């Protein structure tokens, strides 16, 4: 039986393992898209230091450059960390934990990417046009990333029905799936 596009996740006929595998595959596909952009940005930034015009940058521009370079590197590390995590925990029965941690790493990577894109735009517009134009353009870029990557998904998520509580069976007893780092709730 095929599941229709947009159907609630609980209508899928999949085991918890199949769901974890699907979630990880979807996350990896998302990371492929973002990682390519980060790699291009990082490569661009690395080459800037070797251009003829780089020595004439003022202190603000050099600071922006170095900060942006480090943010792009951090985004790249965060976006590749799920692959390293998967390799380290391969065949250890930790797929759900890998998905949970990888999702958080990807979210943090998006924050770093938004800041790196903002910094790169600030630097280029500052050098080409003016500092004021650079700050205005960078603020617009940060607002666009925040709006499209954070606010839009939040608004759309609020309009969806609440997620069903997934229950897993272990040794004949049921327990609620809980967030990592939180103690289990004991029902009396």
C-alpha atoms as a PDB file:
ATOM      1  CA  UNK A   1       0.000   0.000   0.000  1.00  0.00           C
ATOM      2  CA  UNK A   2       1.539   3.303  -1.067  1.00  0.00           C
ATOM      3  CA  UNK A   3       1.514   6.239   1.317  1.00  0.00           C
ATOM      4  CA  UNK A   4       0.266   9.459  -0.231  1.00  0.00           C
ATOM      5  CA  UNK A   5       2.536  12.494  -0.288  1.00  0.00           C
ATOM      6  CA  UNK A   6       1.759  14.638   2.741  1.00  0.00           C
ATOM      7  CA  UNK A   7       0.110  11.789   4.656  1.00  0.00           C
ATOM      8  CA  UNK A   8       0.765  11.834   8.407  1.00  0.00           C
ATOM      9  CA  UNK A   9       3.836   9.865   9.448  1.00  0.00           C
ATOM     10  CA  UNK A  10       1.763   7.618  11.714  1.00  0.00           C
ATOM     11  CA  UNK A  11      -0.171   6.347   8.676  1.00  0.00           C
ATOM     12  CA  UNK A  12       2.970   4.743   7.300  1.00  0.00           C
ATOM     13  CA  UNK A  13       3.204   1.034   7.772  1.00  0.00           C
ATOM     14  CA  UNK A  14       6.804   0.922   8.976  1.00  0.00           C
ATOM     15  CA  UNK A  15       8.599  -0.490  11.941  1.00  0.00           C
ATOM     16  CA  UNK A  16      10.572   1.793  14.265  1.00  0.00           C
ATOM     17  CA  UNK A  17      13.767   0.563  12.566  1.00  0.00           C
ATOM     18  CA  UNK A  18      12.397   1.358   9.119  1.00  0.00           C
ATOM     19  CA  UNK A  19      11.344   4.814  10.345  1.00  0.00           C
ATOM     20  CA  UNK A  20      14.832   5.447  11.764  1.00  0.00           C
ATOM     21  CA  UNK A  21      16.405   4.332   8.466  1.00  0.00           C
ATOM     22  CA  UNK A  22      14.054   6.583   6.472  1.00  0.00           C
ATOM     23  CA  UNK A  23      14.675   9.548   8.780  1.00  0.00           C
ATOM     24  CA  UNK A  24      18.433   9.109   8.470  1.00  0.00           C
ATOM     25  CA  UNK A  25      18.251   8.797   4.665  1.00  0.00           C
ATOM     26  CA  UNK A  26      16.144  11.977   4.476  1.00  0.00           C
ATOM     27  CA  UNK A  27      18.585  13.812   6.746  1.00  0.00           C
ATOM     28  CA  UNK A  28      21.547  12.736   4.613  1.00  0.00           C
ATOM     29  CA  UNK A  29      19.789  14.011   1.484  1.00  0.00           C
ATOM     30  CA  UNK A  30      19.230  17.388   3.155  1.00  0.00           C
ATOM     31  CA  UNK A  31      22.878  17.504   4.201  1.00  0.00           C
ATOM     32  CA  UNK A  32      24.028  16.799   0.630  1.00  0.00           C
ATOM     33  CA  UNK A  33      22.235  19.938  -0.523  1.00  0.00           C
ATOM     34  CA  UNK A  34      23.564  22.217   2.221  1.00  0.00           C
ATOM     35  CA  UNK A  35      27.065  20.783   2.313  1.00  0.00           C
ATOM     36  CA  UNK A  36      27.703  21.582  -1.350  1.00  0.00           C
ATOM     37  CA  UNK A  37      26.898  25.242  -0.744  1.00  0.00           C
ATOM     38  CA  UNK A  38      29.104  25.358   2.329  1.00  0.00           C
ATOM     39  CA  UNK A  39      32.015  23.788   0.457  1.00  0.00           C
ATOM     40  CA  UNK A  40      31.730  26.350  -2.352  1.00  0.00           C
ATOM     41  CA  UNK A  41      31.549  29.225   0.144  1.00  0.00           C
ATOM     42  CA  UNK A  42      34.504  27.853   2.119  1.00  0.00           C
ATOM     43  CA  UNK A  43      36.607  27.434  -1.035  1.00  0.00           C
ATOM     44  CA  UNK A  44      35.753  30.978  -2.124  1.00  0.00           C
ATOM     45  CA  UNK A  45      36.791  32.338   1.267  1.00  0.00           C
ATOM     46  CA  UNK A  46      40.047  30.384   1.278  1.00  0.00           C
ATOM     47  CA  UNK A  47      41.068  31.880  -2.067  1.00  0.00           C
ATOM     48  CA  UNK A  48      40.362  35.473  -0.984  1.00  0.00           C
ATOM     49  CA  UNK A  49      43.443  35.645   1.221  1.00  0.00           C
ATOM     50  CA  UNK A  50      45.622  35.060  -1.850  1.00  0.00           C
ATOM     51  CA  UNK A  51      44.158  37.783  -4.052  1.00  0.00           C
ATOM     52  CA  UNK A  52      46.010  40.986  -4.895  1.00  0.00           C
ATOM     53  CA  UNK A  53      43.422  43.173  -3.156  1.00  0.00           C
ATOM     54  CA  UNK A  54      43.453  41.292   0.177  1.00  0.00           C
ATOM     55  CA  UNK A  55      46.405  43.228   1.703  1.00  0.00           C
ATOM     56  CA  UNK A  56      44.492  46.526   1.428  1.00  0.00           C
ATOM     57  CA  UNK A  57      41.535  45.349   3.521  1.00  0.00           C
ATOM     58  CA  UNK A  58      41.028  47.344   6.713  1.00  0.00           C
ATOM     59  CA  UNK A  59      40.738  45.830  10.184  1.00  0.00           C
ATOM     60  CA  UNK A  60      36.936  45.485  10.060  1.00  0.00           C
ATOM     61  CA  UNK A  61      37.100  43.706   6.708  1.00  0.00           C
ATOM     62  CA  UNK A  62      39.852  41.350   7.893  1.00  0.00           C
ATOM     63  CA  UNK A  63      37.879  40.589  11.052  1.00  0.00           C
ATOM     64  CA  UNK A  64      34.759  39.930   8.987  1.00  0.00           C
ATOM     65  CA  UNK A  65      36.776  37.692   6.676  1.00  0.00           C
ATOM     66  CA  UNK A  66      38.289  35.613   9.482  1.00  0.00           C
ATOM     67  CA  UNK A  67      34.983  35.308  11.340  1.00  0.00           C
ATOM     68  CA  UNK A  68      33.188  34.268   8.159  1.00  0.00           C
ATOM     69  CA  UNK A  69      35.906  31.755   7.295  1.00  0.00           C
ATOM     70  CA  UNK A  70      35.617  30.180  10.759  1.00  0.00           C
ATOM     71  CA  UNK A  71      31.801  30.105  10.549  1.00  0.00           C
ATOM     72  CA  UNK A  72      31.964  28.379   7.159  1.00  0.00           C
ATOM     73  CA  UNK A  73      34.440  25.870   8.562  1.00  0.00           C
ATOM     74  CA  UNK A  74      32.162  25.240  11.570  1.00  0.00           C
ATOM     75  CA  UNK A  75      29.170  24.712   9.258  1.00  0.00           C
ATOM     76  CA  UNK A  76      31.181  22.271   7.157  1.00  0.00           C
ATOM     77  CA  UNK A  77      32.227  20.318  10.250  1.00  0.00           C
ATOM     78  CA  UNK A  78      28.676  20.217  11.597  1.00  0.00           C
ATOM     79  CA  UNK A  79      27.254  19.052   8.253  1.00  0.00           C
ATOM     80  CA  UNK A  80      29.821  16.247   7.924  1.00  0.00           C
ATOM     81  CA  UNK A  81      29.614  15.128  11.570  1.00  0.00           C
ATOM     82  CA  UNK A  82      26.571  12.852  10.965  1.00  0.00           C
ATOM     83  CA  UNK A  83      28.616  10.722   8.554  1.00  0.00           C
ATOM     84  CA  UNK A  84      31.409  10.386  11.123  1.00  0.00           C
ATOM     85  CA  UNK A  85      28.882   9.624  13.847  1.00  0.00           C
ATOM     86  CA  UNK A  86      27.265   6.951  11.692  1.00  0.00           C
ATOM     87  CA  UNK A  87      30.659   5.404  10.921  1.00  0.00           C
ATOM     88  CA  UNK A  88      31.636   5.330  14.606  1.00  0.00           C
ATOM     89  CA  UNK A  89      28.336   3.762  15.692  1.00  0.00           C
ATOM     90  CA  UNK A  90      27.732   1.550  12.653  1.00  0.00           C
ATOM     91  CA  UNK A  91      25.983  -1.739  13.521  1.00  0.00           C
ATOM     92  CA  UNK A  92      25.725  -0.841  17.190  1.00  0.00           C
ATOM     93  CA  UNK A  93      21.929  -0.525  17.239  1.00  0.00           C
ATOM     94  CA  UNK A  94      22.140   3.238  17.689  1.00  0.00           C
ATOM     95  CA  UNK A  95      20.310   4.469  14.573  1.00  0.00           C
ATOM     96  CA  UNK A  96      17.663   6.386  16.540  1.00  0.00           C
ATOM     97  CA  UNK A  97      20.373   8.140  18.600  1.00  0.00           C
ATOM     98  CA  UNK A  98      22.361   8.861  15.431  1.00  0.00           C
ATOM     99  CA  UNK A  99      19.279  10.432  13.826  1.00  0.00           C
ATOM    100  CA  UNK A 100      18.492  12.531  16.920  1.00  0.00           C
ATOM    101  CA  UNK A 101      22.038  13.840  17.363  1.00  0.00           C
ATOM    102  CA  UNK A 102      22.577  14.307  13.616  1.00  0.00           C
ATOM    103  CA  UNK A 103      19.400  16.355  13.381  1.00  0.00           C
ATOM    104  CA  UNK A 104      20.673  18.698  16.093  1.00  0.00           C
ATOM    105  CA  UNK A 105      24.068  18.956  14.397  1.00  0.00           C
ATOM    106  CA  UNK A 106      22.372  19.837  11.105  1.00  0.00           C
ATOM    107  CA  UNK A 107      20.252  22.513  12.799  1.00  0.00           C
ATOM    108  CA  UNK A 108      23.351  24.053  14.371  1.00  0.00           C
ATOM    109  CA  UNK A 109      25.092  23.799  10.990  1.00  0.00           C
ATOM    110  CA  UNK A 110      22.265  25.840   9.437  1.00  0.00           C
ATOM    111  CA  UNK A 111      22.815  28.554  12.055  1.00  0.00           C
ATOM    112  CA  UNK A 112      26.534  28.632  11.222  1.00  0.00           C
ATOM    113  CA  UNK A 113      25.745  28.661   7.506  1.00  0.00           C
ATOM    114  CA  UNK A 114      23.314  31.578   7.887  1.00  0.00           C
ATOM    115  CA  UNK A 115      25.950  33.545   9.771  1.00  0.00           C
ATOM    116  CA  UNK A 116      28.672  32.625   7.249  1.00  0.00           C
ATOM    117  CA  UNK A 117      26.508  33.678   4.297  1.00  0.00           C
ATOM    118  CA  UNK A 118      25.710  36.923   6.101  1.00  0.00           C
ATOM    119  CA  UNK A 119      29.396  37.559   6.792  1.00  0.00           C
ATOM    120  CA  UNK A 120      30.436  36.795   3.217  1.00  0.00           C
ATOM    121  CA  UNK A 121      27.819  39.172   1.874  1.00  0.00           C
ATOM    122  CA  UNK A 122      28.858  41.837   4.364  1.00  0.00           C
ATOM    123  CA  UNK A 123      32.483  41.539   3.292  1.00  0.00           C
ATOM    124  CA  UNK A 124      31.854  41.618  -0.452  1.00  0.00           C
ATOM    125  CA  UNK A 125      29.352  44.479  -0.398  1.00  0.00           C
ATOM    126  CA  UNK A 126      31.550  46.428   2.032  1.00  0.00           C
ATOM    127  CA  UNK A 127      34.554  46.108  -0.310  1.00  0.00           C
ATOM    128  CA  UNK A 128      32.625  46.724  -3.535  1.00  0.00           C
ATOM    129  CA  UNK A 129      30.082  49.391  -2.475  1.00  0.00           C
ATOM    130  CA  UNK A 130      30.351  50.697   1.105  1.00  0.00           C
ATOM    131  CA  UNK A 131      30.234  49.591   4.720  1.00  0.00           C
ATOM    132  CA  UNK A 132      26.701  50.923   5.164  1.00  0.00           C
ATOM    133  CA  UNK A 133      25.475  49.025   2.109  1.00  0.00           C
ATOM    134  CA  UNK A 134      27.262  45.925   3.388  1.00  0.00           C
ATOM    135  CA  UNK A 135      25.608  46.098   6.798  1.00  0.00           C
ATOM    136  CA  UNK A 136      22.150  46.676   5.273  1.00  0.00           C
ATOM    137  CA  UNK A 137      22.579  43.845   2.764  1.00  0.00           C
ATOM    138  CA  UNK A 138      23.942  41.473   5.415  1.00  0.00           C
ATOM    139  CA  UNK A 139      21.041  42.283   7.750  1.00  0.00           C
ATOM    140  CA  UNK A 140      18.634  41.503   4.904  1.00  0.00           C
ATOM    141  CA  UNK A 141      20.374  38.190   4.229  1.00  0.00           C
ATOM    142  CA  UNK A 142      20.231  37.231   7.893  1.00  0.00           C
ATOM    143  CA  UNK A 143      16.551  38.190   8.008  1.00  0.00           C
ATOM    144  CA  UNK A 144      15.863  36.068   4.902  1.00  0.00           C
ATOM    145  CA  UNK A 145      17.639  33.032   6.390  1.00  0.00           C
ATOM    146  CA  UNK A 146      15.839  33.473   9.701  1.00  0.00           C
ATOM    147  CA  UNK A 147      12.487  33.917   7.991  1.00  0.00           C
ATOM    148  CA  UNK A 148      12.780  31.008   5.577  1.00  0.00           C
ATOM    149  CA  UNK A 149      14.765  28.572   7.691  1.00  0.00           C
ATOM    150  CA  UNK A 150      13.250  29.212  11.127  1.00  0.00           C
ATOM    151  CA  UNK A 151      10.047  31.260  11.102  1.00  0.00           C
ATOM    152  CA  UNK A 152       8.354  29.676   8.074  1.00  0.00           C
ATOM    153  CA  UNK A 153       8.827  26.084   9.325  1.00  0.00           C
ATOM    154  CA  UNK A 154       7.686  27.134  12.807  1.00  0.00           C
ATOM    155  CA  UNK A 155       4.502  28.732  11.453  1.00  0.00           C
ATOM    156  CA  UNK A 156       3.764  25.753   9.217  1.00  0.00           C
ATOM    157  CA  UNK A 157       4.412  23.287  12.052  1.00  0.00           C
ATOM    158  CA  UNK A 158       1.929  25.104  14.290  1.00  0.00           C
ATOM    159  CA  UNK A 159      -0.755  24.640  11.656  1.00  0.00           C
ATOM    160  CA  UNK A 160      -0.278  20.861  11.532  1.00  0.00           C
ATOM    161  CA  UNK A 161      -2.085  18.473  13.855  1.00  0.00           C
ATOM    162  CA  UNK A 162      -0.009  17.437  16.897  1.00  0.00           C
ATOM    163  CA  UNK A 163       2.350  14.521  16.467  1.00  0.00           C
ATOM    164  CA  UNK A 164       1.077  11.217  17.783  1.00  0.00           C
ATOM    165  CA  UNK A 165       2.970   9.748  20.713  1.00  0.00           C
ATOM    166  CA  UNK A 166       5.020   6.838  19.402  1.00  0.00           C
ATOM    167  CA  UNK A 167       5.196   3.919  21.751  1.00  0.00           C
ATOM    168  CA  UNK A 168       7.845   1.256  21.481  1.00  0.00           C
ATOM    169  CA  UNK A 169       7.656  -2.215  22.939  1.00  0.00           C
ATOM    170  CA  UNK A 170      10.618  -3.563  24.850  1.00  0.00           C
ATOM    171  CA  UNK A 171      10.601  -6.916  26.626  1.00  0.00           C
ATOM    172  CA  UNK A 172       6.813  -6.911  26.737  1.00  0.00           C
ATOM    173  CA  UNK A 173       6.477  -3.502  28.398  1.00  0.00           C
ATOM    174  CA  UNK A 174       5.584  -0.219  26.793  1.00  0.00           C
ATOM    175  CA  UNK A 175       7.345   3.053  27.376  1.00  0.00           C
ATOM    176  CA  UNK A 176       7.169   6.446  25.760  1.00  0.00           C
ATOM    177  CA  UNK A 177       9.959   7.548  23.502  1.00  0.00           C
ATOM    178  CA  UNK A 178      11.747  10.311  25.411  1.00  0.00           C
ATOM    179  CA  UNK A 179      14.232  12.985  24.552  1.00  0.00           C
ATOM    180  CA  UNK A 180      17.870  12.144  25.223  1.00  0.00           C
ATOM    181  CA  UNK A 181      19.234  13.549  28.445  1.00  0.00           C
ATOM    182  CA  UNK A 182      15.870  13.592  30.189  1.00  0.00           C
ATOM    183  CA  UNK A 183      15.148  11.093  32.936  1.00  0.00           C
ATOM    184  CA  UNK A 184      12.305   8.656  32.265  1.00  0.00           C
ATOM    185  CA  UNK A 185       8.959   9.456  33.804  1.00  0.00           C
ATOM    186  CA  UNK A 186       7.739   6.787  36.160  1.00  0.00           C
ATOM    187  CA  UNK A 187       4.028   6.182  36.156  1.00  0.00           C
ATOM    188  CA  UNK A 188       2.602   5.102  39.481  1.00  0.00           C
END
